[in-house]
């Protein structure tokens, strides 16, 4: 949810070991950037989901999450039959036009042995 609202993951780093340290030290490293311009409801739900498990929204049941002001106006009973407010224009099954373009990186796994 953080990544969808902010645009990048909450503990991002180019180095996996630093990402791990940020996760382990989340109380010091977790910040919701002001430049994301999130609503107070969005900020609140992120803070209440990214916290200690005992205090986490939903620890007392899914109804806690469903009742949060971030989801105001959602009819949970009709969610599966409600038309989405945004339907992307998709050309075909392989259409990637809605994704950001990045330079291709070499795969992190060993290439297949082509001599076999």
Protein backbone atom coordinates (compact mmCIF):
# COMPACT_ATOMS: atom_id res chain seq x y z
CA UNK A 1 0.00 0.00 0.00
CA UNK A 2 2.88 2.36 0.83
CA UNK A 3 4.47 1.77 -2.57
CA UNK A 4 1.18 2.32 -4.41
CA UNK A 5 0.50 5.59 -2.57
CA UNK A 6 4.04 7.00 -2.37
CA UNK A 7 5.61 5.56 -5.51
CA UNK A 8 8.44 3.57 -3.98
CA UNK A 9 8.83 1.03 -1.16
CA UNK A 10 9.17 2.25 2.43
CA UNK A 11 12.63 0.78 3.07
CA UNK A 12 14.22 1.08 -0.36
CA UNK A 13 17.97 0.97 -0.93
CA UNK A 14 20.15 -0.12 -3.83
CA UNK A 15 21.98 -2.39 -1.40
CA UNK A 16 20.00 -5.38 -0.03
CA UNK A 17 21.90 -5.30 3.27
CA UNK A 18 20.93 -1.65 3.82
CA UNK A 19 17.31 -2.45 2.95
CA UNK A 20 17.44 -5.20 5.58
CA UNK A 21 18.88 -2.80 8.17
CA UNK A 22 16.17 -0.23 7.40
CA UNK A 23 13.50 -2.87 7.95
CA UNK A 24 15.05 -4.03 11.22
CA UNK A 25 15.33 -0.40 12.42
CA UNK A 26 11.92 0.61 11.04
CA UNK A 27 11.05 2.80 14.05
CA UNK A 28 13.97 5.09 13.12
CA UNK A 29 13.90 4.77 9.33
CA UNK A 30 10.21 4.72 8.39
CA UNK A 31 9.06 8.09 7.11
CA UNK A 32 6.15 9.13 4.96
CA UNK A 33 7.49 11.87 2.70
CA UNK A 34 5.69 15.21 2.65
CA UNK A 35 6.24 15.50 -1.10
CA UNK A 36 3.96 12.47 -1.61
CA UNK A 37 1.12 14.84 -0.66
CA UNK A 38 -0.99 12.09 0.90
CA UNK A 39 -4.32 12.78 2.54
CA UNK A 40 -4.47 12.62 6.32
CA UNK A 41 -6.51 9.40 5.96
CA UNK A 42 -3.82 7.80 3.75
CA UNK A 43 -1.04 8.86 6.11
CA UNK A 44 -2.96 7.52 9.10
CA UNK A 45 -3.69 4.12 7.58
CA UNK A 46 -0.04 3.68 6.55
CA UNK A 47 1.15 4.52 10.05
CA UNK A 48 -1.42 2.18 11.57
CA UNK A 49 -0.40 -0.70 9.26
CA UNK A 50 3.37 -0.14 9.50
CA UNK A 51 3.74 -0.50 13.26
CA UNK A 52 4.15 -3.10 15.98
CA UNK A 53 1.86 -6.09 15.43
CA UNK A 54 0.04 -5.60 18.74
CA UNK A 55 -1.00 -2.07 17.76
CA UNK A 56 -1.60 -2.76 14.07
CA UNK A 57 -4.90 -1.81 12.48
CA UNK A 58 -6.70 -5.09 11.87
CA UNK A 59 -5.22 -6.88 14.87
CA UNK A 60 -8.77 -7.00 16.24
CA UNK A 61 -10.25 -8.17 12.94
CA UNK A 62 -10.68 -7.10 9.34
CA UNK A 63 -13.61 -4.85 10.29
CA UNK A 64 -11.08 -2.39 11.76
CA UNK A 65 -9.45 -1.92 8.36
CA UNK A 66 -12.75 -1.76 6.49
CA UNK A 67 -14.04 0.96 8.85
CA UNK A 68 -10.95 3.17 8.47
CA UNK A 69 -11.74 6.61 6.94
CA UNK A 70 -9.33 5.88 4.05
CA UNK A 71 -11.96 3.46 2.73
CA UNK A 72 -14.91 5.84 3.19
CA UNK A 73 -17.49 5.23 0.48
CA UNK A 74 -16.39 1.66 -0.27
CA UNK A 75 -19.32 -0.74 -0.35
CA UNK A 76 -17.53 -3.90 0.73
CA UNK A 77 -20.56 -6.09 0.01
CA UNK A 78 -20.69 -5.00 -3.65
CA UNK A 79 -16.96 -4.54 -4.22
CA UNK A 80 -16.63 -7.41 -6.72
CA UNK A 81 -19.52 -6.18 -8.86
CA UNK A 82 -18.75 -2.45 -8.70
CA UNK A 83 -17.25 -0.91 -11.85
CA UNK A 84 -13.74 0.40 -11.29
CA UNK A 85 -13.38 4.19 -11.37
CA UNK A 86 -10.28 3.73 -13.57
CA UNK A 87 -10.03 1.22 -16.39
CA UNK A 88 -6.69 1.38 -18.19
CA UNK A 89 -6.53 1.19 -21.97
CA UNK A 90 -4.74 -2.11 -22.60
CA UNK A 91 -3.80 -2.97 -26.18
CA UNK A 92 -3.08 -6.67 -25.66
CA UNK A 93 -1.89 -9.24 -23.10
CA UNK A 94 1.73 -8.02 -23.39
CA UNK A 95 1.02 -4.27 -23.19
CA UNK A 96 3.51 -2.72 -20.74
CA UNK A 97 2.83 0.92 -21.61
CA UNK A 98 1.57 1.72 -18.09
CA UNK A 99 4.90 0.71 -16.52
CA UNK A 100 7.93 3.00 -16.14
CA UNK A 101 10.81 2.28 -18.51
CA UNK A 102 14.09 1.18 -16.92
CA UNK A 103 17.42 0.20 -18.40
CA UNK A 104 17.71 -3.55 -18.61
CA UNK A 105 20.02 -5.06 -16.03
CA UNK A 106 21.93 -8.28 -16.35
CA UNK A 107 20.02 -11.14 -14.68
CA UNK A 108 21.06 -11.88 -11.11
CA UNK A 109 20.93 -15.64 -11.70
CA UNK A 110 23.58 -17.63 -13.61
CA UNK A 111 22.86 -17.85 -17.33
CA UNK A 112 21.93 -21.25 -18.67
CA UNK A 113 24.85 -23.30 -19.92
CA UNK A 114 24.62 -23.03 -23.71
CA UNK A 115 27.19 -25.79 -24.27
CA UNK A 116 24.74 -28.57 -23.38
